[in-house]
Amino acid sequence: MYEIYMSDNKASETGRQVAINGAGIAGGWAGGAVAGLMCGPGAPVCVLLVGFVGGALAAWEMGNWWK
């Protein structure tokens, strides 16, 4: 929110924030879904960890791509 408030081009910064957050949600969902299929009995822990890592990597990459 602060980055949008301080930005000169608020529309572009809002689009950037939406893209980063959307990528994080999609990456977390995809990572969790794949981990749920692959982890077997350790799925509850595996889905949590892989979902978090997938979301973080997707958001980070989208932030780098947007620059």
PDB file of N, CA and C in Angstrom:
ATOM      1  N   MET A   1       0.811  -1.176   0.000  1.00  0.00           N
ATOM      2  CA  MET A   1       0.000   0.000   0.000  1.00  0.00           C
ATOM      3  C   MET A   1       0.867   1.257   0.000  1.00  0.00           C
ATOM      4  N   TYR A   2       1.920   1.244   0.760  1.00  0.00           N
ATOM      5  CA  TYR A   2       2.820   2.392   0.833  1.00  0.00           C
ATOM      6  C   TYR A   2       3.452   2.681  -0.523  1.00  0.00           C
ATOM      7  N   GLU A   3       3.817   1.612  -1.250  1.00  0.00           N
ATOM      8  CA  GLU A   3       4.456   1.804  -2.554  1.00  0.00           C
ATOM      9  C   GLU A   3       3.498   2.452  -3.542  1.00  0.00           C
ATOM     10  N   ILE A   4       2.222   2.117  -3.468  1.00  0.00           N
ATOM     11  CA  ILE A   4       1.236   2.750  -4.343  1.00  0.00           C
ATOM     12  C   ILE A   4       1.061   4.219  -3.959  1.00  0.00           C
ATOM     13  N   TYR A   5       0.987   4.477  -2.677  1.00  0.00           N
ATOM     14  CA  TYR A   5       0.797   5.850  -2.183  1.00  0.00           C
ATOM     15  C   TYR A   5       1.951   6.757  -2.596  1.00  0.00           C
ATOM     16  N   MET A   6       3.169   6.259  -2.548  1.00  0.00           N
ATOM     17  CA  MET A   6       4.343   7.070  -2.843  1.00  0.00           C
ATOM     18  C   MET A   6       4.703   7.105  -4.332  1.00  0.00           C
ATOM     19  N   SER A   7       4.051   6.317  -5.145  1.00  0.00           N
ATOM     20  CA  SER A   7       4.386   6.219  -6.564  1.00  0.00           C
ATOM     21  C   SER A   7       3.894   7.441  -7.350  1.00  0.00           C
ATOM     22  N   ASP A   8       4.660   7.793  -8.372  1.00  0.00           N
ATOM     23  CA  ASP A   8       4.238   8.860  -9.280  1.00  0.00           C
ATOM     24  C   ASP A   8       3.151   8.361 -10.231  1.00  0.00           C
ATOM     25  N   ASN A   9       3.276   7.117 -10.674  1.00  0.00           N
ATOM     26  CA  ASN A   9       2.295   6.504 -11.572  1.00  0.00           C
ATOM     27  C   ASN A   9       1.526   5.445 -10.778  1.00  0.00           C
ATOM     28  N   LYS A  10       0.445   5.859 -10.152  1.00  0.00           N
ATOM     29  CA  LYS A  10      -0.299   4.988  -9.250  1.00  0.00           C
ATOM     30  C   LYS A  10      -0.960   3.816  -9.981  1.00  0.00           C
ATOM     31  N   ALA A  11      -1.412   4.039 -11.202  1.00  0.00           N
ATOM     32  CA  ALA A  11      -2.060   2.954 -11.961  1.00  0.00           C
ATOM     33  C   ALA A  11      -1.056   1.848 -12.281  1.00  0.00           C
ATOM     34  N   SER A  12       0.135   2.223 -12.703  1.00  0.00           N
ATOM     35  CA  SER A  12       1.155   1.228 -13.015  1.00  0.00           C
ATOM     36  C   SER A  12       1.598   0.472 -11.769  1.00  0.00           C
ATOM     37  N   GLU A  13       1.774   1.177 -10.671  1.00  0.00           N
ATOM     38  CA  GLU A  13       2.193   0.536  -9.428  1.00  0.00           C
ATOM     39  C   GLU A  13       1.101  -0.385  -8.889  1.00  0.00           C
ATOM     40  N   THR A  14      -0.157   0.008  -9.059  1.00  0.00           N
ATOM     41  CA  THR A  14      -1.255  -0.863  -8.643  1.00  0.00           C
ATOM     42  C   THR A  14      -1.253  -2.139  -9.471  1.00  0.00           C
ATOM     43  N   GLY A  15      -1.044  -2.023 -10.770  1.00  0.00           N
ATOM     44  CA  GLY A  15      -0.949  -3.209 -11.623  1.00  0.00           C
ATOM     45  C   GLY A  15       0.204  -4.103 -11.226  1.00  0.00           C
ATOM     46  N   ARG A  16       1.323  -3.495 -10.880  1.00  0.00           N
ATOM     47  CA  ARG A  16       2.494  -4.266 -10.436  1.00  0.00           C
ATOM     48  C   ARG A  16       2.170  -5.025  -9.158  1.00  0.00           C
ATOM     49  N   GLN A  17       1.549  -4.367  -8.199  1.00  0.00           N
ATOM     50  CA  GLN A  17       1.212  -5.017  -6.927  1.00  0.00           C
ATOM     51  C   GLN A  17       0.205  -6.150  -7.126  1.00  0.00           C
ATOM     52  N   VAL A  18      -0.776  -5.934  -7.983  1.00  0.00           N
ATOM     53  CA  VAL A  18      -1.765  -6.979  -8.271  1.00  0.00           C
ATOM     54  C   VAL A  18      -1.091  -8.173  -8.934  1.00  0.00           C
ATOM     55  N   ALA A  19      -0.180  -7.920  -9.865  1.00  0.00           N
ATOM     56  CA  ALA A  19       0.521  -9.010 -10.545  1.00  0.00           C
ATOM     57  C   ALA A  19       1.387  -9.806  -9.574  1.00  0.00           C
ATOM     58  N   ILE A  20       2.105  -9.133  -8.696  1.00  0.00           N
ATOM     59  CA  ILE A  20       2.963  -9.827  -7.739  1.00  0.00           C
ATOM     60  C   ILE A  20       2.126 -10.652  -6.768  1.00  0.00           C
ATOM     61  N   ASN A  21       1.060 -10.069  -6.235  1.00  0.00           N
ATOM     62  CA  ASN A  21       0.209 -10.805  -5.303  1.00  0.00           C
ATOM     63  C   ASN A  21      -0.500 -11.969  -5.982  1.00  0.00           C
ATOM     64  N   GLY A  22      -0.956 -11.753  -7.203  1.00  0.00           N
ATOM     65  CA  GLY A  22      -1.600 -12.834  -7.945  1.00  0.00           C
ATOM     66  C   GLY A  22      -0.644 -13.977  -8.248  1.00  0.00           C
ATOM     67  N   ALA A  23       0.585 -13.639  -8.590  1.00  0.00           N
ATOM     68  CA  ALA A  23       1.584 -14.676  -8.846  1.00  0.00           C
ATOM     69  C   ALA A  23       1.897 -15.449  -7.574  1.00  0.00           C
ATOM     70  N   GLY A  24       1.945 -14.766  -6.446  1.00  0.00           N
ATOM     71  CA  GLY A  24       2.190 -15.440  -5.184  1.00  0.00           C
ATOM     72  C   GLY A  24       1.085 -16.409  -4.828  1.00  0.00           C
ATOM     73  N   ILE A  25      -0.152 -16.002  -5.041  1.00  0.00           N
ATOM     74  CA  ILE A  25      -1.286 -16.880  -4.763  1.00  0.00           C
ATOM     75  C   ILE A  25      -1.278 -18.071  -5.711  1.00  0.00           C
ATOM     76  N   ALA A  26      -1.093 -17.821  -6.994  1.00  0.00           N
ATOM     77  CA  ALA A  26      -1.078 -18.912  -7.973  1.00  0.00           C
ATOM     78  C   ALA A  26       0.096 -19.863  -7.743  1.00  0.00           C
ATOM     79  N   GLY A  27       1.266 -19.320  -7.412  1.00  0.00           N
ATOM     80  CA  GLY A  27       2.428 -20.166  -7.152  1.00  0.00           C
ATOM     81  C   GLY A  27       2.248 -21.013  -5.910  1.00  0.00           C
ATOM     82  N   GLY A  28       1.651 -20.443  -4.871  1.00  0.00           N
ATOM     83  CA  GLY A  28       1.373 -21.211  -3.668  1.00  0.00           C
ATOM     84  C   GLY A  28       0.368 -22.314  -3.915  1.00  0.00           C
ATOM     85  N   TRP A  29      -0.661 -21.989  -4.680  1.00  0.00           N
ATOM     86  CA  TRP A  29      -1.667 -22.994  -5.017  1.00  0.00           C
ATOM     87  C   TRP A  29      -1.061 -24.122  -5.853  1.00  0.00           C
ATOM     88  N   ALA A  30      -0.280 -23.765  -6.866  1.00  0.00           N
ATOM     89  CA  ALA A  30       0.327 -24.774  -7.737  1.00  0.00           C
ATOM     90  C   ALA A  30       1.344 -25.632  -6.975  1.00  0.00           C
ATOM     91  N   GLY A  31       2.165 -24.993  -6.166  1.00  0.00           N
ATOM     92  CA  GLY A  31       3.134 -25.756  -5.384  1.00  0.00           C
ATOM     93  C   GLY A  31       2.460 -26.700  -4.409  1.00  0.00           C
ATOM     94  N   GLY A  32       1.419 -26.234  -3.747  1.00  0.00           N
ATOM     95  CA  GLY A  32       0.679 -27.080  -2.821  1.00  0.00           C
ATOM     96  C   GLY A  32      -0.026 -28.227  -3.517  1.00  0.00           C
ATOM     97  N   ALA A  33      -0.572 -27.972  -4.701  1.00  0.00           N
ATOM     98  CA  ALA A  33      -1.263 -29.013  -5.441  1.00  0.00           C
ATOM     99  C   ALA A  33      -0.295 -30.106  -5.894  1.00  0.00           C
ATOM    100  N   VAL A  34       0.841 -29.708  -6.402  1.00  0.00           N
ATOM    101  CA  VAL A  34       1.842 -30.685  -6.843  1.00  0.00           C
ATOM    102  C   VAL A  34       2.375 -31.479  -5.653  1.00  0.00           C
ATOM    103  N   ALA A  35       2.633 -30.788  -4.555  1.00  0.00           N
ATOM    104  CA  ALA A  35       3.144 -31.471  -3.371  1.00  0.00           C
ATOM    105  C   ALA A  35       2.114 -32.443  -2.815  1.00  0.00           C
ATOM    106  N   GLY A  36       0.841 -32.091  -2.876  1.00  0.00           N
ATOM    107  CA  GLY A  36      -0.209 -32.986  -2.399  1.00  0.00           C
ATOM    108  C   GLY A  36      -0.261 -34.278  -3.182  1.00  0.00           C
ATOM    109  N   LEU A  37       0.067 -34.208  -4.452  1.00  0.00           N
ATOM    110  CA  LEU A  37       0.064 -35.412  -5.276  1.00  0.00           C
ATOM    111  C   LEU A  37       1.330 -36.245  -5.104  1.00  0.00           C
ATOM    112  N   MET A  38       2.430 -35.619  -4.731  1.00  0.00           N
ATOM    113  CA  MET A  38       3.718 -36.302  -4.731  1.00  0.00           C
ATOM    114  C   MET A  38       4.208 -36.768  -3.357  1.00  0.00           C
ATOM    115  N   CYS A  39       3.717 -36.197  -2.279  1.00  0.00           N
ATOM    116  CA  CYS A  39       4.357 -36.422  -0.986  1.00  0.00           C
ATOM    117  C   CYS A  39       3.885 -37.648  -0.218  1.00  0.00           C
ATOM    118  N   GLY A  40       2.759 -38.188  -0.522  1.00  0.00           N
ATOM    119  CA  GLY A  40       2.300 -39.381   0.187  1.00  0.00           C
ATOM    120  C   GLY A  40       1.914 -39.080   1.629  1.00  0.00           C
ATOM    121  N   PRO A  41       2.391 -39.916   2.585  1.00  0.00           N
ATOM    122  CA  PRO A  41       1.954 -39.746   3.967  1.00  0.00           C
ATOM    123  C   PRO A  41       2.426 -38.451   4.621  1.00  0.00           C
ATOM    124  N   GLY A  42       3.458 -37.846   4.131  1.00  0.00           N
ATOM    125  CA  GLY A  42       3.947 -36.590   4.694  1.00  0.00           C
ATOM    126  C   GLY A  42       3.299 -35.377   4.055  1.00  0.00           C
ATOM    127  N   ALA A  43       2.173 -35.575   3.371  1.00  0.00           N
ATOM    128  CA  ALA A  43       1.547 -34.504   2.603  1.00  0.00           C
ATOM    129  C   ALA A  43       1.188 -33.264   3.420  1.00  0.00           C
ATOM    130  N   PRO A  44       0.657 -33.372   4.632  1.00  0.00           N
ATOM    131  CA  PRO A  44       0.294 -32.131   5.335  1.00  0.00           C
ATOM    132  C   PRO A  44       1.478 -31.180   5.525  1.00  0.00           C
ATOM    133  N   VAL A  45       2.606 -31.701   5.911  1.00  0.00           N
ATOM    134  CA  VAL A  45       3.786 -30.856   6.112  1.00  0.00           C
ATOM    135  C   VAL A  45       4.373 -30.444   4.773  1.00  0.00           C
ATOM    136  N   CYS A  46       4.433 -31.366   3.847  1.00  0.00           N
ATOM    137  CA  CYS A  46       5.017 -31.114   2.536  1.00  0.00           C
ATOM    138  C   CYS A  46       4.225 -30.043   1.776  1.00  0.00           C
ATOM    139  N   VAL A  47       2.905 -30.128   1.817  1.00  0.00           N
ATOM    140  CA  VAL A  47       2.067 -29.148   1.117  1.00  0.00           C
ATOM    141  C   VAL A  47       2.275 -27.757   1.702  1.00  0.00           C
ATOM    142  N   LEU A  48       2.362 -27.667   3.006  1.00  0.00           N
ATOM    143  CA  LEU A  48       2.582 -26.375   3.644  1.00  0.00           C
ATOM    144  C   LEU A  48       3.911 -25.757   3.206  1.00  0.00           C
ATOM    145  N   LEU A  49       4.956 -26.542   3.262  1.00  0.00           N
ATOM    146  CA  LEU A  49       6.288 -26.025   2.922  1.00  0.00           C
ATOM    147  C   LEU A  49       6.426 -25.712   1.439  1.00  0.00           C
ATOM    148  N   VAL A  50       6.013 -26.643   0.594  1.00  0.00           N
ATOM    149  CA  VAL A  50       6.161 -26.433  -0.848  1.00  0.00           C
ATOM    150  C   VAL A  50       5.223 -25.333  -1.337  1.00  0.00           C
ATOM    151  N   GLY A  51       4.039 -25.237  -0.745  1.00  0.00           N
ATOM    152  CA  GLY A  51       3.119 -24.154  -1.108  1.00  0.00           C
ATOM    153  C   GLY A  51       3.702 -22.795  -0.772  1.00  0.00           C
ATOM    154  N   PHE A  52       4.316 -22.689   0.407  1.00  0.00           N
ATOM    155  CA  PHE A  52       4.947 -21.431   0.793  1.00  0.00           C
ATOM    156  C   PHE A  52       6.102 -21.091  -0.134  1.00  0.00           C
ATOM    157  N   VAL A  53       6.954 -22.060  -0.404  1.00  0.00           N
ATOM    158  CA  VAL A  53       8.107 -21.822  -1.274  1.00  0.00           C
ATOM    159  C   VAL A  53       7.648 -21.476  -2.694  1.00  0.00           C
ATOM    160  N   GLY A  54       6.636 -22.182  -3.198  1.00  0.00           N
ATOM    161  CA  GLY A  54       6.120 -21.891  -4.539  1.00  0.00           C
ATOM    162  C   GLY A  54       5.554 -20.483  -4.638  1.00  0.00           C
ATOM    163  N   GLY A  55       4.820 -20.070  -3.619  1.00  0.00           N
ATOM    164  CA  GLY A  55       4.263 -18.723  -3.613  1.00  0.00           C
ATOM    165  C   GLY A  55       5.343 -17.661  -3.526  1.00  0.00           C
ATOM    166  N   ALA A  56       6.325 -17.890  -2.676  1.00  0.00           N
ATOM    167  CA  ALA A  56       7.406 -16.918  -2.518  1.00  0.00           C
ATOM    168  C   ALA A  56       8.227 -16.800  -3.801  1.00  0.00           C
ATOM    169  N   LEU A  57       8.546 -17.917  -4.417  1.00  0.00           N
ATOM    170  CA  LEU A  57       9.330 -17.868  -5.656  1.00  0.00           C
ATOM    171  C   LEU A  57       8.563 -17.206  -6.795  1.00  0.00           C
ATOM    172  N   ALA A  58       7.281 -17.503  -6.906  1.00  0.00           N
ATOM    173  CA  ALA A  58       6.478 -16.897  -7.971  1.00  0.00           C
ATOM    174  C   ALA A  58       6.360 -15.390  -7.770  1.00  0.00           C
ATOM    175  N   ALA A  59       6.127 -14.946  -6.543  1.00  0.00           N
ATOM    176  CA  ALA A  59       6.022 -13.515  -6.277  1.00  0.00           C
ATOM    177  C   ALA A  59       7.362 -12.815  -6.503  1.00  0.00           C
ATOM    178  N   TRP A  60       8.431 -13.443  -6.082  1.00  0.00           N
ATOM    179  CA  TRP A  60       9.762 -12.854  -6.269  1.00  0.00           C
ATOM    180  C   TRP A  60      10.093 -12.727  -7.756  1.00  0.00           C
ATOM    181  N   GLU A  61       9.800 -13.774  -8.510  1.00  0.00           N
ATOM    182  CA  GLU A  61      10.101 -13.747  -9.942  1.00  0.00           C
ATOM    183  C   GLU A  61       9.233 -12.721 -10.664  1.00  0.00           C
ATOM    184  N   MET A  62       7.977 -12.601 -10.286  1.00  0.00           N
ATOM    185  CA  MET A  62       7.111 -11.600 -10.907  1.00  0.00           C
ATOM    186  C   MET A  62       7.611 -10.191 -10.578  1.00  0.00           C
ATOM    187  N   GLY A  63       8.089  -9.981  -9.365  1.00  0.00           N
ATOM    188  CA  GLY A  63       8.662  -8.682  -9.000  1.00  0.00           C
ATOM    189  C   GLY A  63       9.891  -8.364  -9.826  1.00  0.00           C
ATOM    190  N   ASN A  64      10.718  -9.347 -10.076  1.00  0.00           N
ATOM    191  CA  ASN A  64      11.908  -9.133 -10.910  1.00  0.00           C
ATOM    192  C   ASN A  64      11.538  -8.920 -12.373  1.00  0.00           C
ATOM    193  N   TRP A  65      10.535  -9.629 -12.837  1.00  0.00           N
ATOM    194  CA  TRP A  65      10.106  -9.511 -14.225  1.00  0.00           C
ATOM    195  C   TRP A  65       9.497  -8.149 -14.490  1.00  0.00           C
ATOM    196  N   TRP A  66       8.806  -7.606 -13.528  1.00  0.00           N
ATOM    197  CA  TRP A  66       8.075  -6.353 -13.713  1.00  0.00           C
ATOM    198  C   TRP A  66       9.000  -5.151 -13.863  1.00  0.00           C
ATOM    199  N   LYS A  67      10.221  -5.215 -13.355  1.00  0.00           N
ATOM    200  CA  LYS A  67      11.136  -4.054 -13.376  1.00  0.00           C
ATOM    201  C   LYS A  67      11.472  -3.593 -14.763  1.00  0.00           C
TER     202      LYS A  67
END
